[in-house]
C-alpha atoms as a PDB file:
ATOM      1  CA  MET A   1       2.761 250.366 294.127  1.00  0.00           C
ATOM      2  CA  HIS A   2       1.276 253.839 294.655  1.00  0.00           C
ATOM      3  CA  ALA A   3       3.437 255.418 291.954  1.00  0.00           C
ATOM      4  CA  ILE A   4       2.388 252.742 289.463  1.00  0.00           C
ATOM      5  CA  TYR A   5      -1.291 253.308 290.170  1.00  0.00           C
ATOM      6  CA  ASN A   6      -0.843 257.036 289.696  1.00  0.00           C
ATOM      7  CA  ARG A   7       0.917 256.423 286.386  1.00  0.00           C
ATOM      8  CA  MET A   8      -1.776 254.126 285.036  1.00  0.00           C
ATOM      9  CA  SER A   9      -5.091 254.969 286.654  1.00  0.00           C
ATOM     10  CA  THR A  10      -8.434 253.390 285.885  1.00  0.00           C
ATOM     11  CA  LYS A  11      -9.674 256.684 284.464  1.00  0.00           C
ATOM     12  CA  GLN A  12      -6.692 256.939 282.128  1.00  0.00           C
ATOM     13  CA  SER A  13      -7.233 253.380 280.881  1.00  0.00           C
ATOM     14  CA  TRP A  14     -10.940 253.835 280.156  1.00  0.00           C
ATOM     15  CA  THR A  15     -10.414 257.303 278.664  1.00  0.00           C
ATOM     16  CA  SER A  16      -7.877 255.859 276.240  1.00  0.00           C
ATOM     17  CA  MET A  17     -10.184 253.017 275.321  1.00  0.00           C
ATOM     18  CA  SER A  18     -13.311 255.080 274.841  1.00  0.00           C
ATOM     19  CA  SER A  19     -11.466 257.464 272.543  1.00  0.00           C
ATOM     20  CA  GLY A  20     -10.101 254.551 270.531  1.00  0.00           C
ATOM     21  CA  GLU A  21      -6.567 255.284 271.603  1.00  0.00           C
ATOM     22  CA  GLY A  22      -3.963 253.497 273.647  1.00  0.00           C
ATOM     23  CA  ASN A  23      -0.345 254.082 274.398  1.00  0.00           C
ATOM     24  CA  SER A  24       2.102 252.452 272.060  1.00  0.00           C
ATOM     25  CA  ILE A  25       4.179 249.649 273.509  1.00  0.00           C
ATOM     26  CA  GLN A  26       6.399 250.767 276.342  1.00  0.00           C
ATOM     27  CA  SER A  27      10.085 250.993 275.515  1.00  0.00           C
ATOM     28  CA  GLY A  28      12.205 248.070 276.648  1.00  0.00           C
ATOM     29  CA  LYS A  29      14.048 250.277 279.087  1.00  0.00           C
ATOM     30  CA  GLU A  30      10.813 251.457 280.721  1.00  0.00           C
ATOM     31  CA  THR A  31       9.549 247.916 281.124  1.00  0.00           C
ATOM     32  CA  LYS A  32      12.861 246.765 282.557  1.00  0.00           C
ATOM     33  CA  ASP A  33      12.810 249.690 284.987  1.00  0.00           C
ATOM     34  CA  LEU A  34       9.286 248.745 286.063  1.00  0.00           C
ATOM     35  CA  LEU A  35      10.333 245.124 286.484  1.00  0.00           C
ATOM     36  CA  ASP A  36      13.331 246.161 288.612  1.00  0.00           C
ATOM     37  CA  GLU A  37      11.466 248.760 290.678  1.00  0.00           C
ATOM     38  CA  TRP A  38       8.125 246.972 291.076  1.00  0.00           C
ATOM     39  CA  PRO A  39       8.783 243.209 290.745  1.00  0.00           C
ATOM     40  CA  TYR A  40       5.502 242.399 292.528  1.00  0.00           C
ATOM     41  CA  LEU A  41       3.585 244.109 289.722  1.00  0.00           C
ATOM     42  CA  PHE A  42       4.707 241.361 287.319  1.00  0.00           C
ATOM     43  CA  GLN A  43       4.084 238.455 289.665  1.00  0.00           C
ATOM     44  CA  PRO A  44       0.751 236.662 289.110  1.00  0.00           C
ATOM     45  CA  ALA A  45      -0.829 237.976 292.320  1.00  0.00           C
ATOM     46  CA  GLY A  46       0.339 241.531 291.619  1.00  0.00           C
ATOM     47  CA  MET A  47      -0.828 241.475 288.011  1.00  0.00           C
ATOM     48  CA  LYS A  48      -4.269 240.177 288.960  1.00  0.00           C
ATOM     49  CA  ALA A  49      -4.603 242.774 291.732  1.00  0.00           C
ATOM     50  CA  HIS A  50      -3.646 245.619 289.395  1.00  0.00           C
ATOM     51  CA  PHE A  51      -5.907 244.333 286.629  1.00  0.00           C
ATOM     52  CA  LYS A  52      -8.794 244.352 289.128  1.00  0.00           C
ATOM     53  CA  GLU A  53      -7.903 247.923 290.142  1.00  0.00           C
ATOM     54  CA  LEU A  54      -8.032 249.032 286.506  1.00  0.00           C
ATOM     55  CA  THR A  55     -11.012 247.067 285.211  1.00  0.00           C
ATOM     56  CA  GLY A  56     -12.982 245.844 288.218  1.00  0.00           C
ATOM     57  CA  ILE A  57     -12.482 242.240 287.018  1.00  0.00           C
ATOM     58  CA  ASP A  58     -11.376 239.891 289.805  1.00  0.00           C
ATOM     59  CA  ILE A  59      -9.627 236.841 288.330  1.00  0.00           C
ATOM     60  CA  ASN A  60     -10.585 234.558 291.200  1.00  0.00           C
ATOM     61  CA  ASN A  61     -11.877 230.979 291.397  1.00  0.00           C
ATOM     62  CA  SER A  62     -15.416 232.027 290.531  1.00  0.00           C
ATOM     63  CA  PHE A  63     -14.240 233.933 287.448  1.00  0.00           C
ATOM     64  CA  GLU A  64     -12.067 231.029 286.331  1.00  0.00           C
ATOM     65  CA  GLU A  65     -14.931 228.541 286.644  1.00  0.00           C
ATOM     66  CA  SER A  66     -17.249 230.794 284.640  1.00  0.00           C
ATOM     67  CA  ALA A  67     -14.596 231.439 281.983  1.00  0.00           C
ATOM     68  CA  SER A  68     -13.816 227.721 281.717  1.00  0.00           C
ATOM     69  CA  SER A  69     -17.482 227.043 280.989  1.00  0.00           C
ATOM     70  CA  LYS A  70     -17.491 229.718 278.276  1.00  0.00           C
ATOM     71  CA  PHE A  71     -14.380 228.291 276.620  1.00  0.00           C
ATOM     72  CA  ARG A  72     -16.043 224.859 276.546  1.00  0.00           C
ATOM     73  CA  ARG A  73     -19.088 226.434 274.916  1.00  0.00           C
ATOM     74  CA  ILE A  74     -16.825 227.982 272.264  1.00  0.00           C
ATOM     75  CA  LEU A  75     -15.328 224.545 271.593  1.00  0.00           C
ATOM     76  CA  ASP A  76     -18.778 222.962 271.408  1.00  0.00           C
ATOM     77  CA  TYR A  77     -19.865 225.584 268.882  1.00  0.00           C
ATOM     78  CA  PHE A  78     -16.847 225.054 266.615  1.00  0.00           C
ATOM     79  CA  GLN A  79     -17.125 221.266 266.888  1.00  0.00           C
ATOM     80  CA  PHE A  80     -20.734 221.557 265.743  1.00  0.00           C
ATOM     81  CA  GLN A  81     -19.714 223.821 262.845  1.00  0.00           C
ATOM     82  CA  CYS A  82     -16.576 222.039 261.670  1.00  0.00           C
ATOM     83  CA  THR A  83     -17.092 219.062 259.361  1.00  0.00           C
ATOM     84  CA  GLU A  84     -13.747 219.022 257.540  1.00  0.00           C
ATOM     85  CA  ARG A  85     -11.052 217.181 259.487  1.00  0.00           C
ATOM     86  CA  ALA A  86      -8.371 218.345 257.062  1.00  0.00           C
ATOM     87  CA  SER A  87      -9.119 222.036 257.703  1.00  0.00           C
ATOM     88  CA  ARG A  88      -7.060 224.025 260.188  1.00  0.00           C
ATOM     89  CA  ALA A  89      -9.983 224.089 262.621  1.00  0.00           C
ATOM     90  CA  GLY A  90     -10.407 220.349 262.121  1.00  0.00           C
ATOM     91  CA  ARG A  91      -6.757 219.691 262.976  1.00  0.00           C
ATOM     92  CA  ILE A  92      -7.042 221.820 266.126  1.00  0.00           C
ATOM     93  CA  LEU A  93     -10.126 219.887 267.193  1.00  0.00           C
ATOM     94  CA  THR A  94      -8.364 216.567 266.556  1.00  0.00           C
ATOM     95  CA  LYS A  95      -5.523 217.608 268.879  1.00  0.00           C
ATOM     96  CA  TYR A  96      -8.030 218.767 271.483  1.00  0.00           C
ATOM     97  CA  ARG A  97      -9.927 215.472 271.363  1.00  0.00           C
ATOM     98  CA  ALA A  98      -6.623 213.638 271.850  1.00  0.00           C
ATOM     99  CA  GLY A  99      -6.351 215.194 275.304  1.00  0.00           C
ATOM    100  CA  GLY A 100      -5.546 218.854 274.706  1.00  0.00           C
ATOM    101  CA  ASP A 101      -6.308 221.750 277.030  1.00  0.00           C
ATOM    102  CA  HIS A 102      -9.791 223.097 276.265  1.00  0.00           C
ATOM    103  CA  VAL A 103      -8.941 226.759 276.928  1.00  0.00           C
ATOM    104  CA  CYS A 104      -5.979 226.624 274.563  1.00  0.00           C
ATOM    105  CA  GLY A 105      -8.048 224.769 271.971  1.00  0.00           C
ATOM    106  CA  ALA A 106     -10.770 227.412 272.106  1.00  0.00           C
ATOM    107  CA  VAL A 107      -8.264 230.257 271.733  1.00  0.00           C
ATOM    108  CA  MET A 108      -6.590 228.583 268.768  1.00  0.00           C
ATOM    109  CA  LEU A 109      -9.994 228.144 267.117  1.00  0.00           C
ATOM    110  CA  LEU A 110     -10.755 231.838 267.664  1.00  0.00           C
ATOM    111  CA  LEU A 111      -7.431 232.797 266.083  1.00  0.00           C
ATOM    112  CA  THR A 112      -8.256 230.574 263.110  1.00  0.00           C
ATOM    113  CA  HIS A 113     -11.833 231.819 262.791  1.00  0.00           C
ATOM    114  CA  PHE A 114     -10.774 235.469 262.762  1.00  0.00           C
ATOM    115  CA  LYS A 115      -7.733 234.706 260.553  1.00  0.00           C
ATOM    116  CA  ASN A 116      -5.482 236.324 263.142  1.00  0.00           C
ATOM    117  CA  ASP A 117      -1.733 235.709 263.263  1.00  0.00           C
ATOM    118  CA  GLN A 118      -1.115 232.833 265.664  1.00  0.00           C
ATOM    119  CA  ASP A 119       2.624 233.555 265.662  1.00  0.00           C
ATOM    120  CA  HIS A 120       1.908 236.896 267.334  1.00  0.00           C
ATOM    121  CA  PHE A 121      -0.049 235.109 270.057  1.00  0.00           C
ATOM    122  CA  LEU A 122       1.853 231.837 270.598  1.00  0.00           C
ATOM    123  CA  VAL A 123       5.634 231.545 270.315  1.00  0.00           C
ATOM    124  CA  MET A 124       6.918 227.966 270.281  1.00  0.00           C
ATOM    125  CA  VAL A 125      10.270 227.087 271.889  1.00  0.00           C
ATOM    126  CA  GLU A 126      11.986 223.889 273.040  1.00  0.00           C
ATOM    127  CA  ASP A 127      10.373 222.232 276.055  1.00  0.00           C
ATOM    128  CA  THR A 128      13.584 222.610 278.078  1.00  0.00           C
ATOM    129  CA  SER A 129      13.964 226.336 277.350  1.00  0.00           C
ATOM    130  CA  VAL A 130      14.558 228.881 280.099  1.00  0.00           C
ATOM    131  CA  PRO A 131      14.230 232.670 279.661  1.00  0.00           C
ATOM    132  CA  SER A 132      17.937 233.100 278.917  1.00  0.00           C
ATOM    133  CA  ASP A 133      17.611 230.688 275.956  1.00  0.00           C
ATOM    134  CA  ILE A 134      15.041 232.864 274.181  1.00  0.00           C
ATOM    135  CA  CYS A 135      16.302 235.586 271.840  1.00  0.00           C
ATOM    136  CA  SER A 136      14.327 238.803 271.983  1.00  0.00           C
ATOM    137  CA  GLU A 137      14.057 238.731 268.176  1.00  0.00           C
ATOM    138  CA  GLN A 138      11.844 235.618 268.516  1.00  0.00           C
ATOM    139  CA  LEU A 139       9.233 237.626 270.403  1.00  0.00           C
ATOM    140  CA  PRO A 140       6.718 240.223 269.247  1.00  0.00           C
ATOM    141  CA  ALA A 141       6.738 243.567 271.056  1.00  0.00           C
ATOM    142  CA  THR A 142       3.190 243.090 272.325  1.00  0.00           C
ATOM    143  CA  PRO A 143       2.276 240.579 275.072  1.00  0.00           C
ATOM    144  CA  CYS A 144       2.134 236.954 273.967  1.00  0.00           C
ATOM    145  CA  ILE A 145       2.456 233.427 275.350  1.00  0.00           C
ATOM    146  CA  VAL A 146       5.675 231.454 274.990  1.00  0.00           C
ATOM    147  CA  VAL A 147       4.949 227.728 274.768  1.00  0.00           C
ATOM    148  CA  CYS A 148       7.696 225.381 275.963  1.00  0.00           C
ATOM    149  CA  GLY A 149       6.963 222.387 273.783  1.00  0.00           C
ATOM    150  CA  GLU A 150       5.633 221.349 270.379  1.00  0.00           C
ATOM    151  CA  ASN A 151       1.913 221.490 271.156  1.00  0.00           C
ATOM    152  CA  PRO A 152       0.424 224.467 273.025  1.00  0.00           C
ATOM    153  CA  MET A 153      -2.492 222.282 274.165  1.00  0.00           C
ATOM    154  CA  THR A 154      -0.269 219.772 275.975  1.00  0.00           C
ATOM    155  CA  ALA A 155       2.780 221.810 277.040  1.00  0.00           C
ATOM    156  CA  SER A 156       3.604 221.814 280.748  1.00  0.00           C
ATOM    157  CA  VAL A 157       5.364 225.192 280.980  1.00  0.00           C
ATOM    158  CA  TYR A 158       4.495 228.622 279.571  1.00  0.00           C
ATOM    159  CA  MET A 159       6.043 232.081 279.774  1.00  0.00           C
ATOM    160  CA  VAL A 160       4.656 235.567 279.240  1.00  0.00           C
ATOM    161  CA  PRO A 161       6.771 238.342 277.675  1.00  0.00           C
ATOM    162  CA  VAL A 162       6.144 241.975 276.851  1.00  0.00           C
ATOM    163  CA  ASP A 163       8.477 244.339 275.011  1.00  0.00           C
ATOM    164  CA  GLN A 164      10.409 241.209 273.921  1.00  0.00           C
ATOM    165  CA  MET A 165      11.262 240.575 277.579  1.00  0.00           C
ATOM    166  CA  ILE A 166      10.093 237.602 279.665  1.00  0.00           C
ATOM    167  CA  VAL A 167       8.245 238.929 282.715  1.00  0.00           C
ATOM    168  CA  ASN A 168       6.656 235.643 283.873  1.00  0.00           C
ATOM    169  CA  ASP A 169       8.304 232.270 283.509  1.00  0.00           C
ATOM    170  CA  HIS A 170       7.464 228.733 284.593  1.00  0.00           C
ATOM    171  CA  LEU A 171       3.696 229.145 284.442  1.00  0.00           C
ATOM    172  CA  LEU A 172       2.172 225.681 284.703  1.00  0.00           C
ATOM    173  CA  SER A 173      -1.107 226.196 282.843  1.00  0.00           C
ATOM    174  CA  PHE A 174      -2.150 227.808 279.601  1.00  0.00           C
ATOM    175  CA  THR A 175      -5.102 229.411 281.382  1.00  0.00           C
ATOM    176  CA  GLU A 176      -2.911 231.301 283.828  1.00  0.00           C
ATOM    177  CA  ALA A 177      -0.576 232.392 281.022  1.00  0.00           C
ATOM    178  CA  LEU A 178      -3.585 233.644 279.029  1.00  0.00           C
ATOM    179  CA  TYR A 179      -4.988 235.683 281.919  1.00  0.00           C
ATOM    180  CA  LEU A 180      -1.613 237.257 282.716  1.00  0.00           C
ATOM    181  CA  MET A 181      -0.877 237.978 279.051  1.00  0.00           C
ATOM    182  CA  PHE A 182      -4.256 239.642 278.579  1.00  0.00           C
ATOM    183  CA  SER A 183      -3.928 241.694 281.766  1.00  0.00           C
ATOM    184  CA  LEU A 184      -0.681 243.244 280.501  1.00  0.00           C
ATOM    185  CA  TYR A 185      -2.626 245.066 277.783  1.00  0.00           C
ATOM    186  CA  TYR A 186      -4.411 246.948 280.561  1.00  0.00           C
ATOM    187  CA  ILE A 187      -1.639 247.220 283.154  1.00  0.00           C
ATOM    188  CA  LEU A 188       0.692 248.838 280.594  1.00  0.00           C
ATOM    189  CA  ASN A 189      -2.114 250.422 278.525  1.00  0.00           C
ATOM    190  CA  ILE A 190      -1.062 248.706 275.298  1.00  0.00           C
ATOM    191  CA  SER A 191      -3.236 248.724 272.185  1.00  0.00           C
ATOM    192  CA  TYR A 192      -4.212 245.376 270.714  1.00  0.00           C
ATOM    193  CA  PRO A 193      -2.128 244.709 267.601  1.00  0.00           C
ATOM    194  CA  VAL A 194      -4.159 244.612 264.391  1.00  0.00           C
ATOM    195  CA  GLU A 195      -2.871 241.071 263.755  1.00  0.00           C
ATOM    196  CA  LEU A 196      -4.734 239.872 266.896  1.00  0.00           C
ATOM    197  CA  GLY A 197      -7.399 242.537 267.233  1.00  0.00           C
ATOM    198  CA  ALA A 198     -10.531 240.429 266.718  1.00  0.00           C
ATOM    199  CA  THR A 199      -9.411 237.569 268.973  1.00  0.00           C
ATOM    200  CA  LEU A 200      -8.392 239.893 271.793  1.00  0.00           C
ATOM    201  CA  GLU A 201     -11.599 241.904 271.478  1.00  0.00           C
ATOM    202  CA  PHE A 202     -13.638 238.704 271.609  1.00  0.00           C
ATOM    203  CA  LEU A 203     -11.806 237.658 274.786  1.00  0.00           C
ATOM    204  CA  GLN A 204     -12.301 241.152 276.203  1.00  0.00           C
ATOM    205  CA  ARG A 205     -16.039 241.229 275.585  1.00  0.00           C
ATOM    206  CA  CYS A 206     -17.105 237.602 275.945  1.00  0.00           C
ATOM    207  CA  ILE A 207     -14.695 236.165 278.525  1.00  0.00           C
ATOM    208  CA  PHE A 208     -13.667 239.169 280.620  1.00  0.00           C
ATOM    209  CA  ARG A 209     -16.938 241.054 280.039  1.00  0.00           C
ATOM    210  CA  ILE A 210     -15.231 244.398 279.478  1.00  0.00           C
ATOM    211  CA  ASN A 211     -17.779 246.042 277.208  1.00  0.00           C
ATOM    212  CA  PRO A 212     -17.341 249.780 276.633  1.00  0.00           C
ATOM    213  CA  HIS A 213     -19.997 251.254 274.351  1.00  0.00           C
ATOM    214  CA  LYS A 214     -17.537 253.374 272.385  1.00  0.00           C
ATOM    215  CA  GLY A 215     -14.053 253.009 271.002  1.00  0.00           C
ATOM    216  CA  THR A 216     -11.771 250.047 270.547  1.00  0.00           C
ATOM    217  CA  LYS A 217      -8.450 248.979 272.026  1.00  0.00           C
ATOM    218  CA  VAL A 218      -7.174 247.813 268.638  1.00  0.00           C
ATOM    219  CA  GLU A 219      -4.382 250.028 267.362  1.00  0.00           C
ATOM    220  CA  LYS A 220      -5.409 252.546 264.727  1.00  0.00           C
ATOM    221  CA  ARG A 221      -4.316 252.250 261.140  1.00  0.00           C
ATOM    222  CA  GLU A 222      -4.132 255.450 259.105  1.00  0.00           C
ATOM    223  CA  LYS A 223      -7.233 256.303 257.001  1.00  0.00           C
ATOM    224  CA  LYS A 224      -9.284 253.536 258.621  1.00  0.00           C
ATOM    225  CA  ARG A 225     -12.170 254.265 260.943  1.00  0.00           C
ATOM    226  CA  ALA A 226     -12.493 251.954 263.925  1.00  0.00           C
ATOM    227  CA  ASP A 227     -15.973 250.567 264.613  1.00  0.00           C
ATOM    228  CA  SER A 228     -17.169 250.673 268.206  1.00  0.00           C
ATOM    229  CA  VAL A 229     -17.491 246.887 268.080  1.00  0.00           C
ATOM    230  CA  ASN A 230     -15.761 244.692 265.503  1.00  0.00           C
ATOM    231  CA  PRO A 231     -18.676 243.339 263.411  1.00  0.00           C
ATOM    232  CA  ARG A 232     -17.022 239.911 263.135  1.00  0.00           C
ATOM    233  CA  VAL A 233     -16.735 239.735 266.925  1.00  0.00           C
ATOM    234  CA  LEU A 234     -20.363 240.761 267.273  1.00  0.00           C
ATOM    235  CA  SER A 235     -21.418 238.189 264.679  1.00  0.00           C
ATOM    236  CA  LEU A 236     -19.602 235.281 266.360  1.00  0.00           C
ATOM    237  CA  THR A 237     -20.884 236.322 269.787  1.00  0.00           C
ATOM    238  CA  SER A 238     -24.454 236.291 268.470  1.00  0.00           C
ATOM    239  CA  LYS A 239     -24.018 232.887 266.830  1.00  0.00           C
ATOM    240  CA  ILE A 240     -22.588 231.322 269.987  1.00  0.00           C
ATOM    241  CA  ALA A 241     -25.377 232.893 272.041  1.00  0.00           C
ATOM    242  CA  ALA A 242     -27.940 231.382 269.681  1.00  0.00           C
ATOM    243  CA  PHE A 243     -26.127 228.045 270.039  1.00  0.00           C
ATOM    244  CA  ASP A 244     -26.738 228.277 273.817  1.00  0.00           C
ATOM    245  CA  TRP A 245     -23.978 230.480 275.225  1.00  0.00           C
ATOM    246  CA  GLY A 246     -25.110 230.393 278.847  1.00  0.00           C
ATOM    247  CA  GLU A 247     -23.597 232.393 281.702  1.00  0.00           C
END
């Protein structure tokens, strides 16, 4: 693992973020080479260990309990706000109340609130699918979650790809898939895609508590200046805090 740590040091990651820059997505060949040479890096334990090395965030039981409480608070806030059952948020809440996973429900509500592209975050496949069944063209280049089933809140198996290549399969909870997907943005120093920028920045700041004062990890678009903090993320954070965010 020493070569990997040298290639992607903590200092490099934070320098890229604070300057508002990040490497573009790794080429498929580079990712495949990493997967072949350092398979442990892409296993859940290896990804969590490397994410901790880069960010200082330890995804352990204590972190998961705290994050679970925050996701429930997000759901409570949107349930309080949403009065239209026919709206997209209303339909998500209906599925959640029918027995859906609360972390997945909260993430889907964030995607809806920020008008981010859910298809870049969640890719739906048949519940019996295995990695060899999934065409690379179905997958975005950036990290995402592959849902094996019709409903991401009730599926029993998830996968995580990057560079249109499955690097984790047969994950049994949405929460684990989410943490591993998010960690790939740091392990491989990938910019957040604009289509998901607000949702990922909200997760970064409010769930993972990675809060640099300058810069953004959202990819730059020509002739557009990036704010240090997305104002919509800041606004929602403040509203949830006023609603009783808690720790």
